[in-house]
Amino acid sequence: MPDTDRLTELEIALAHQERLAEELSDIVRTQAERLDRLERTLALLARRLAAAEDGPEAPAANAPPPHW
């Protein structure tokens, strides 16, 4: 195989690798953004749960109503 053909094939392979690296970078960025949103949502829910636990006690699910 002539050197020019080999060089062309290497350039093509490199172009594919660069495209793949860009696609993977985009995926990682998207996943990081999604993770950030999920962490913020989790923190909000944890604060709400803590506030609800600090509030008035809810009756137990199996407890009879107060008039019994």
N, C-alpha and C. Protein backbone atom coordinates (compact mmCIF):
# COMPACT_ATOMS: atom_id res chain seq x y z
N MET A 1 0.86 -1.17 0.00
CA MET A 1 0.00 0.00 0.00
C MET A 1 0.90 1.23 0.00
N PRO A 2 0.65 2.14 -0.90
CA PRO A 2 1.46 3.37 -0.95
C PRO A 2 1.26 4.19 0.32
N ASP A 3 2.29 4.97 0.61
CA ASP A 3 2.24 5.81 1.82
C ASP A 3 1.09 6.80 1.78
N THR A 4 0.74 7.32 0.60
CA THR A 4 -0.35 8.30 0.52
C THR A 4 -1.69 7.66 0.89
N ASP A 5 -1.90 6.41 0.45
CA ASP A 5 -3.14 5.71 0.82
C ASP A 5 -3.19 5.47 2.32
N ARG A 6 -2.07 5.07 2.87
CA ARG A 6 -2.01 4.81 4.31
C ARG A 6 -2.24 6.10 5.09
N LEU A 7 -1.65 7.17 4.63
CA LEU A 7 -1.84 8.45 5.28
C LEU A 7 -3.30 8.89 5.21
N THR A 8 -3.93 8.69 4.07
CA THR A 8 -5.35 9.04 3.91
C THR A 8 -6.21 8.23 4.87
N GLU A 9 -5.93 6.94 4.98
CA GLU A 9 -6.69 6.10 5.90
C GLU A 9 -6.50 6.54 7.35
N LEU A 10 -5.29 6.91 7.70
CA LEU A 10 -5.03 7.39 9.06
C LEU A 10 -5.75 8.71 9.32
N GLU A 11 -5.79 9.59 8.33
CA GLU A 11 -6.51 10.86 8.48
C GLU A 11 -8.01 10.62 8.65
N ILE A 12 -8.53 9.68 7.90
CA ILE A 12 -9.96 9.34 8.02
C ILE A 12 -10.25 8.77 9.41
N ALA A 13 -9.39 7.86 9.86
CA ALA A 13 -9.57 7.27 11.18
C ALA A 13 -9.49 8.34 12.26
N LEU A 14 -8.56 9.26 12.12
CA LEU A 14 -8.43 10.35 13.09
C LEU A 14 -9.68 11.22 13.09
N ALA A 15 -10.21 11.52 11.93
CA ALA A 15 -11.43 12.32 11.84
C ALA A 15 -12.59 11.64 12.57
N HIS A 16 -12.71 10.32 12.40
CA HIS A 16 -13.76 9.58 13.09
C HIS A 16 -13.54 9.62 14.60
N GLN A 17 -12.30 9.48 15.02
CA GLN A 17 -11.99 9.52 16.45
C GLN A 17 -12.30 10.90 17.04
N GLU A 18 -11.99 11.94 16.31
CA GLU A 18 -12.28 13.30 16.79
C GLU A 18 -13.79 13.51 16.92
N ARG A 19 -14.54 13.02 15.93
CA ARG A 19 -16.00 13.16 15.98
C ARG A 19 -16.56 12.40 17.17
N LEU A 20 -16.06 11.19 17.38
CA LEU A 20 -16.50 10.39 18.51
C LEU A 20 -16.17 11.06 19.84
N ALA A 21 -14.99 11.63 19.94
CA ALA A 21 -14.59 12.33 21.16
C ALA A 21 -15.51 13.52 21.43
N GLU A 22 -15.89 14.26 20.38
CA GLU A 22 -16.82 15.38 20.55
C GLU A 22 -18.19 14.90 20.99
N GLU A 23 -18.67 13.81 20.39
CA GLU A 23 -19.97 13.27 20.77
C GLU A 23 -19.96 12.83 22.23
N LEU A 24 -18.90 12.14 22.64
CA LEU A 24 -18.80 11.70 24.03
C LEU A 24 -18.70 12.87 24.99
N SER A 25 -18.01 13.91 24.58
CA SER A 25 -17.92 15.11 25.40
C SER A 25 -19.29 15.74 25.58
N ASP A 26 -20.07 15.79 24.52
CA ASP A 26 -21.43 16.32 24.61
C ASP A 26 -22.30 15.48 25.55
N ILE A 27 -22.14 14.17 25.47
CA ILE A 27 -22.91 13.28 26.34
C ILE A 27 -22.52 13.51 27.79
N VAL A 28 -21.25 13.62 28.06
CA VAL A 28 -20.79 13.85 29.44
C VAL A 28 -21.33 15.18 29.96
N ARG A 29 -21.29 16.23 29.13
CA ARG A 29 -21.81 17.53 29.55
C ARG A 29 -23.30 17.44 29.86
N THR A 30 -24.06 16.77 28.99
CA THR A 30 -25.50 16.63 29.20
C THR A 30 -25.78 15.86 30.48
N GLN A 31 -25.04 14.79 30.71
CA GLN A 31 -25.23 14.00 31.92
C GLN A 31 -24.86 14.81 33.17
N ALA A 32 -23.84 15.62 33.09
CA ALA A 32 -23.45 16.45 34.24
C ALA A 32 -24.54 17.47 34.55
N GLU A 33 -25.12 18.07 33.52
CA GLU A 33 -26.22 19.01 33.73
C GLU A 33 -27.42 18.32 34.36
N ARG A 34 -27.71 17.13 33.86
CA ARG A 34 -28.85 16.38 34.41
C ARG A 34 -28.58 16.00 35.86
N LEU A 35 -27.37 15.58 36.15
CA LEU A 35 -27.00 15.23 37.52
C LEU A 35 -27.13 16.44 38.45
N ASP A 36 -26.71 17.61 37.98
CA ASP A 36 -26.84 18.83 38.78
C ASP A 36 -28.31 19.10 39.11
N ARG A 37 -29.18 18.97 38.09
CA ARG A 37 -30.61 19.20 38.33
C ARG A 37 -31.16 18.18 39.33
N LEU A 38 -30.77 16.93 39.19
CA LEU A 38 -31.26 15.90 40.11
C LEU A 38 -30.77 16.15 41.54
N GLU A 39 -29.53 16.61 41.67
CA GLU A 39 -29.00 16.90 43.01
C GLU A 39 -29.76 18.07 43.64
N ARG A 40 -30.07 19.09 42.85
CA ARG A 40 -30.85 20.21 43.39
C ARG A 40 -32.25 19.74 43.80
N THR A 41 -32.86 18.90 42.99
CA THR A 41 -34.19 18.38 43.32
C THR A 41 -34.13 17.54 44.58
N LEU A 42 -33.12 16.70 44.70
CA LEU A 42 -32.97 15.87 45.90
C LEU A 42 -32.80 16.73 47.14
N ALA A 43 -31.99 17.77 47.04
CA ALA A 43 -31.78 18.65 48.19
C ALA A 43 -33.09 19.33 48.58
N LEU A 44 -33.85 19.77 47.59
CA LEU A 44 -35.14 20.41 47.87
C LEU A 44 -36.08 19.43 48.56
N LEU A 45 -36.16 18.21 48.05
CA LEU A 45 -37.03 17.21 48.65
C LEU A 45 -36.58 16.85 50.07
N ALA A 46 -35.28 16.79 50.28
CA ALA A 46 -34.76 16.49 51.62
C ALA A 46 -35.14 17.60 52.60
N ARG A 47 -35.06 18.86 52.15
CA ARG A 47 -35.48 19.97 53.02
C ARG A 47 -36.96 19.89 53.31
N ARG A 48 -37.77 19.58 52.29
CA ARG A 48 -39.21 19.46 52.52
C ARG A 48 -39.53 18.33 53.49
N LEU A 49 -38.85 17.22 53.34
CA LEU A 49 -39.08 16.09 54.24
C LEU A 49 -38.69 16.46 55.66
N ALA A 50 -37.56 17.11 55.82
CA ALA A 50 -37.12 17.52 57.16
C ALA A 50 -38.12 18.49 57.77
N ALA A 51 -38.64 19.41 56.96
CA ALA A 51 -39.63 20.36 57.47
C ALA A 51 -40.91 19.64 57.85
N ALA A 52 -41.31 18.67 57.07
CA ALA A 52 -42.53 17.93 57.38
C ALA A 52 -42.35 17.10 58.64
N GLU A 53 -41.16 16.55 58.83
CA GLU A 53 -40.90 15.76 60.04
C GLU A 53 -40.85 16.64 61.28
N ASP A 54 -40.45 17.89 61.13
CA ASP A 54 -40.38 18.81 62.26
C ASP A 54 -41.75 19.40 62.59
N GLY A 55 -42.69 19.26 61.67
CA GLY A 55 -44.03 19.83 61.85
C GLY A 55 -44.86 18.98 62.80
N PRO A 56 -46.16 19.28 62.87
CA PRO A 56 -47.04 18.51 63.75
C PRO A 56 -47.04 17.03 63.36
N GLU A 57 -47.17 16.22 64.37
CA GLU A 57 -47.14 14.78 64.12
C GLU A 57 -48.39 14.36 63.38
N ALA A 58 -48.18 13.56 62.36
CA ALA A 58 -49.31 12.99 61.63
C ALA A 58 -49.76 11.74 62.36
N PRO A 59 -51.06 11.49 62.38
CA PRO A 59 -51.53 10.29 63.06
C PRO A 59 -51.02 9.04 62.32
N ALA A 60 -50.81 8.01 63.08
CA ALA A 60 -50.36 6.76 62.48
C ALA A 60 -51.44 6.23 61.55
N ALA A 61 -51.02 5.55 60.52
CA ALA A 61 -51.97 5.06 59.53
C ALA A 61 -52.93 4.05 60.13
N ASN A 62 -52.50 3.29 61.13
CA ASN A 62 -53.35 2.26 61.71
C ASN A 62 -54.07 2.72 62.97
N ALA A 63 -53.85 3.93 63.39
CA ALA A 63 -54.47 4.41 64.63
C ALA A 63 -55.96 4.66 64.39
N PRO A 64 -56.78 4.31 65.37
CA PRO A 64 -58.21 4.57 65.21
C PRO A 64 -58.48 6.07 65.29
N PRO A 65 -59.56 6.53 64.72
CA PRO A 65 -59.88 7.95 64.78
C PRO A 65 -60.04 8.39 66.24
N PRO A 66 -59.88 9.66 66.53
CA PRO A 66 -59.89 10.14 67.92
C PRO A 66 -61.23 9.91 68.63
N HIS A 67 -62.33 9.76 67.91
CA HIS A 67 -63.63 9.61 68.58
C HIS A 67 -63.90 8.18 69.04
N TRP A 68 -62.98 7.24 68.84
CA TRP A 68 -63.22 5.87 69.30
C TRP A 68 -62.77 5.70 70.68
